[in-house]
Amino acid sequence: MKKEQRDREHAIRSYLKGESITAIAKKLGRSRPWVYKWIERYQAEGETNHWQEDHARSPHSNPRQLPEAVVEAVKLARLYLYNQGLFCGAQAISWELEALQVSPLPSLRTISRIVSREGLTHRRTGRYEPKGKRYPKLIGQHANEVHQSDYVGPCYLSGPLRFYSMNSVDIATGRCAVTPVFNKAAQSAVDAIWSNWWRLGIPKHQQVDNELVFYGSHRHPRGMGCLIRLCLAHEVELWFIPMAEPWRNGVVEKFNDHYRGGLLRRVMMQGADDLYRESLAFEAKHNTRYRYTKLQGRTPQMALGQAQIRLPESPTAPKHRCLNQRAAATTWCVSSVATPYLTSLARGSGCHRKLFTST
């Protein structure tokens, strides 16, 4: 027991024996008000309530503390966004509270503390580690300047039904296009990319990974794959990311996570009809309701605005075998630089490669 507490108990015992306040104060080296204070505390609380211990000196109220209603609004907004399959970070919660006209509006740091305190966070997985090599990077500043595309799958529905999804994202606006296919044949890849172009517009640059169907075949290393021919026929520059470095396609890879969590794990689908319908619904939901920090809180559709986009001439994709003639009929041709490029492409040289073209 501390000396302070022993003095307080000694003062009360002396008081109960009938000693005067002045004698108690003089004996303990304390002031008379100090003796009166602890006599009043003892009379108010008694021995069973630890009257001799110090009371908390912190203020009973904090004028800067958020009202409990605002804290509850943060929690409800976080749960609502998560259950809707939307972005649910601090910035997204702030936008949701602003739309609900919650006042006072907490700062992003305060929202993060509340979400963390209430156990509403998820641990982030490890990041990719670069190999220490510098590669060129496409930066899209305008609508349809750069598209990133990638396959997701194979995925399975009850039935059973096996399918893949060709996902494309416009880098500048964040707009997405989702097209399910049931195989990775050349014509299916052409149909999926064409369908995405029909909804997003034809890009200036199309970036993909080193999927075999995109660049050709091992049997014909100097031949051009279906996607190369499709891009040549429509004046689109095709880019391939390095082998085994998916983070170079980071935007569409991140979108694939939203696709899996927002559609495949949340929506029950029984067949192809449900798959097509729900894929288009998810695409529309993303483009009209997801808000991005890089877009200053706007949705992808808002970011597009009145921008002019170039659409395909028909909703029906050209046939794969007809692309040979169409690519040869355009004013674009493969330059002499592209011949060694195509060879290294088929062999997987591991560099960031672009299909060079010239008039």
Foldseek 3Di string as FASTA:
>chain_A
DDPQLVLLVVLVVCVVVPDDLVVSCVVSVHDSVVSVVSVVLCVVQNDVRPSSDDDDPDDPDDPPDDDPVVLVLLVVLLVVCVLQLADRALVSSLVVCVVVVDPPRDDSVVSVVSCVVVVNDDDDDDDDDDPPDDADADDDQAAQQEKEWEKDDQDFAPVTATWIWIKIAGRNLRAIAIDIDRDLALQRVLLRVQLRCQVRFHHQEYEYELDCQQADHLVCLQDGHLNVLVCLLVNHKYKYAFPPDCCSSVSVVVVVVSCCSNQVVNDHDHDDVRVVVSSVVVSVCQQQPHFDVVQVRHGSVVSNPPDDGHGDPDSGGDGSVCSVVSSVPDPKDQDPVQRVVSNCSSVRVGGTDIRDIDD
